[in-house]
Amino acid sequence: MVELTQVKEMIRTIPDFPKKGILFRDITPLLLDKRKFKFCIDQFAKKTKGKIDYVVSIESRGFIFGSALAYKLGVGFIPIRKEGKLPFHKHSAAYDLEYGQAVIEIHADAIREKSRVIIIDDVLATGGTVEAAIGLVEKSKGIVAGVYFLVELLALGGRKRLKGYPVYSLVSY
């Protein structure tokens, strides 16, 4: 039987990556362990309440969890990509980074009006990326039924930006 403490133990901390002063949380060892990876997807599925139409994930590590969760729930998967990666009509949202701005996009026809979605990503840090993703879902007239993360970095306060949305993270630092 896998426990959340075992999941947390599988996440490797790499100091000073991608730049000095950052503690990078590397999920690769967790993904290598089929039992613990399955446990994570099962936990997200158990947390999901009510009818869900789609799982929406943010590029790129979010895709790992999002596609597996969509499969587990038997629903569609919608990718949110970095700017310039989607070939069709799209909605865009800009958000702030420590060193500038970034843009994410979703196909304009991906979500049907009033569709209930779960948004999932690997890490909740400052919350800017997922806040932009929520904006894209709502611009598409979808309903955000939950926002899920493998890891939450508590000191960065990202959860505060997500008030009004059900937020669930498996492990926190």
Protein backbone atom coordinates (compact mmCIF):
# COMPACT_ATOMS: atom_id res chain seq x y z
CA MET A 1 0.00 0.00 0.00
CA VAL A 2 1.44 3.36 -1.08
CA GLU A 3 1.20 6.37 1.22
CA LEU A 4 1.58 10.09 0.52
CA THR A 5 4.81 10.21 2.54
CA GLN A 6 6.28 7.70 0.07
CA VAL A 7 5.20 9.91 -2.84
CA LYS A 8 6.92 12.92 -1.28
CA GLU A 9 10.09 10.87 -0.69
CA MET A 10 10.24 10.11 -4.44
CA ILE A 11 10.37 13.80 -5.40
CA ARG A 12 13.99 14.82 -5.69
CA THR A 13 15.10 18.31 -4.63
CA ILE A 14 17.75 19.93 -6.80
CA PRO A 15 19.27 23.14 -5.40
CA ASP A 16 20.10 26.11 -7.62
CA PHE A 17 18.15 24.92 -10.66
CA PRO A 18 17.27 26.50 -13.03
CA LYS A 19 19.05 29.38 -11.28
CA LYS A 20 20.77 30.12 -7.98
CA GLY A 21 18.44 30.17 -4.99
CA ILE A 22 15.73 27.96 -6.52
CA LEU A 23 14.95 24.50 -5.10
CA PHE A 24 13.67 22.53 -8.08
CA ARG A 25 11.27 19.67 -7.29
CA ASP A 26 12.12 16.90 -9.77
CA ILE A 27 9.23 14.45 -10.24
CA THR A 28 11.17 12.08 -12.51
CA PRO A 29 11.92 9.48 -9.80
CA LEU A 30 8.22 9.38 -8.91
CA LEU A 31 7.23 8.80 -12.53
CA LEU A 32 9.66 5.87 -12.74
CA ASP A 33 7.81 4.05 -9.96
CA LYS A 34 4.66 2.59 -11.55
CA ARG A 35 2.94 1.90 -8.21
CA LYS A 36 3.46 5.41 -6.86
CA PHE A 37 2.54 7.09 -10.14
CA LYS A 38 -0.66 5.01 -10.30
CA PHE A 39 -1.38 5.89 -6.67
CA CYS A 40 -1.17 9.62 -7.54
CA ILE A 41 -3.60 9.29 -10.44
CA ASP A 42 -5.95 7.21 -8.28
CA GLN A 43 -5.87 9.89 -5.55
CA PHE A 44 -6.77 12.61 -8.04
CA ALA A 45 -9.61 10.45 -9.40
CA LYS A 46 -10.97 9.82 -5.87
CA LYS A 47 -10.97 13.56 -5.19
CA THR A 48 -13.06 14.23 -8.29
CA LYS A 49 -16.73 14.79 -7.45
CA GLY A 50 -19.67 15.02 -9.82
CA LYS A 51 -19.77 14.83 -13.60
CA ILE A 52 -16.58 15.95 -15.33
CA ASP A 53 -16.40 16.48 -19.09
CA TYR A 54 -12.69 17.22 -19.55
CA VAL A 55 -9.34 17.27 -17.85
CA VAL A 56 -7.32 20.35 -18.80
CA SER A 57 -3.54 20.34 -18.34
CA ILE A 58 -0.82 22.90 -18.66
CA GLU A 59 2.28 22.25 -20.76
CA SER A 60 4.41 20.32 -20.18
CA ARG A 61 4.65 18.26 -16.99
CA GLY A 62 0.94 18.79 -16.38
CA PHE A 63 0.30 16.68 -19.49
CA ILE A 64 1.75 13.65 -17.73
CA PHE A 65 -0.84 13.77 -14.98
CA GLY A 66 -3.67 15.23 -17.04
CA SER A 67 -3.74 12.62 -19.76
CA ALA A 68 -3.53 9.77 -17.24
CA LEU A 69 -6.33 11.29 -15.14
CA ALA A 70 -8.53 11.85 -18.21
CA TYR A 71 -8.05 8.18 -19.13
CA LYS A 72 -8.87 7.07 -15.58
CA LEU A 73 -12.04 9.23 -15.50
CA GLY A 74 -13.06 8.28 -19.05
CA VAL A 75 -13.25 11.90 -20.22
CA GLY A 76 -11.62 14.10 -22.86
CA PHE A 77 -8.21 15.73 -22.45
CA ILE A 78 -7.51 19.36 -23.37
CA PRO A 79 -3.95 20.68 -23.54
CA ILE A 80 -3.06 24.27 -22.69
CA ARG A 81 0.09 25.07 -24.62
CA LYS A 82 2.76 27.72 -24.66
CA GLU A 83 2.25 30.52 -27.15
CA GLY A 84 2.61 29.57 -30.81
CA LYS A 85 2.20 25.80 -30.37
CA LEU A 86 -1.50 25.42 -31.30
CA PRO A 87 -2.38 25.38 -35.01
CA PHE A 88 -6.07 26.44 -34.90
CA HIS A 89 -8.17 29.35 -33.59
CA LYS A 90 -7.24 29.94 -29.98
CA HIS A 91 -7.76 32.00 -26.84
CA SER A 92 -4.62 33.41 -25.18
CA ALA A 93 -3.78 34.57 -21.68
CA ALA A 94 -0.65 36.35 -20.49
CA TYR A 95 0.73 35.96 -16.98
CA ASP A 96 3.71 37.31 -15.07
CA LEU A 97 6.91 35.45 -14.37
CA GLU A 98 9.80 36.49 -12.12
CA TYR A 99 11.67 37.67 -15.19
CA GLY A 100 8.92 38.88 -17.55
CA GLN A 101 5.71 37.57 -19.05
CA ALA A 102 4.59 34.38 -20.71
CA VAL A 103 1.51 33.44 -22.73
CA ILE A 104 -0.51 30.22 -22.76
CA GLU A 105 -3.21 29.23 -25.24
CA ILE A 106 -6.16 26.89 -25.66
CA HIS A 107 -8.06 26.00 -28.82
CA ALA A 108 -11.14 28.23 -28.95
CA ASP A 109 -13.41 25.27 -29.77
CA ALA A 110 -11.98 22.83 -27.19
CA ILE A 111 -14.53 23.36 -24.42
CA ARG A 112 -18.28 23.29 -24.95
CA GLU A 113 -20.30 25.85 -22.97
CA LYS A 114 -21.01 24.77 -19.37
CA SER A 115 -18.62 21.82 -19.59
CA ARG A 116 -17.18 20.93 -16.18
CA VAL A 117 -13.41 20.59 -16.13
CA ILE A 118 -10.60 19.68 -13.79
CA ILE A 119 -7.37 21.63 -14.31
CA ILE A 120 -4.23 19.74 -13.30
CA ASP A 121 -0.56 20.70 -13.22
CA ASP A 122 2.53 19.33 -11.53
CA VAL A 123 3.37 22.25 -9.23
CA LEU A 124 1.50 25.14 -7.62
CA ALA A 125 4.04 27.89 -6.97
CA THR A 126 2.89 31.52 -7.28
CA GLY A 127 -0.33 30.51 -9.05
CA GLY A 128 0.09 32.76 -12.09
CA THR A 129 0.07 30.00 -14.68
CA VAL A 130 -2.98 28.23 -13.32
CA GLU A 131 -4.80 31.53 -12.81
CA ALA A 132 -4.26 32.21 -16.53
CA ALA A 133 -5.47 28.66 -17.32
CA ILE A 134 -8.65 29.25 -15.30
CA GLY A 135 -9.19 32.44 -17.30
CA LEU A 136 -8.90 30.47 -20.55
CA VAL A 137 -11.41 27.84 -19.39
CA GLU A 138 -13.87 30.53 -18.32
CA LYS A 139 -13.37 32.52 -21.53
CA SER A 140 -14.37 29.29 -23.29
CA LYS A 141 -17.49 29.25 -21.05
CA GLY A 142 -16.36 26.17 -19.15
CA ILE A 143 -16.81 25.59 -15.43
CA VAL A 144 -13.75 24.86 -13.29
CA ALA A 145 -14.81 22.04 -10.95
CA GLY A 146 -11.38 21.63 -9.37
CA VAL A 147 -7.72 22.54 -9.62
CA TYR A 148 -5.24 19.75 -8.81
CA PHE A 149 -1.49 19.69 -8.24
CA LEU A 150 1.03 17.01 -7.41
CA VAL A 151 3.15 19.50 -5.40
CA GLU A 152 2.27 22.75 -3.66
CA LEU A 153 5.04 25.15 -2.63
CA LEU A 154 3.37 26.76 0.39
CA ALA A 155 5.85 29.61 0.89
CA LEU A 156 5.00 31.04 -2.55
CA GLY A 157 1.31 31.49 -1.68
CA GLY A 158 -0.19 30.41 -4.99
CA ARG A 159 -3.36 29.06 -3.36
CA LYS A 160 -4.37 32.63 -2.42
CA ARG A 161 -4.80 33.46 -6.12
CA LEU A 162 -7.23 30.56 -6.53
CA LYS A 163 -9.89 31.59 -3.98
CA GLY A 164 -13.32 30.37 -4.96
CA TYR A 165 -12.00 27.24 -6.67
CA PRO A 166 -11.59 23.82 -5.08
CA VAL A 167 -7.81 23.29 -4.84
CA TYR A 168 -6.23 19.93 -4.06
CA SER A 169 -2.54 19.08 -3.85
CA LEU A 170 -1.06 15.71 -2.96
CA VAL A 171 2.12 16.90 -1.24
CA SER A 172 3.41 20.23 -0.03
CA TYR A 173 6.73 21.81 0.85
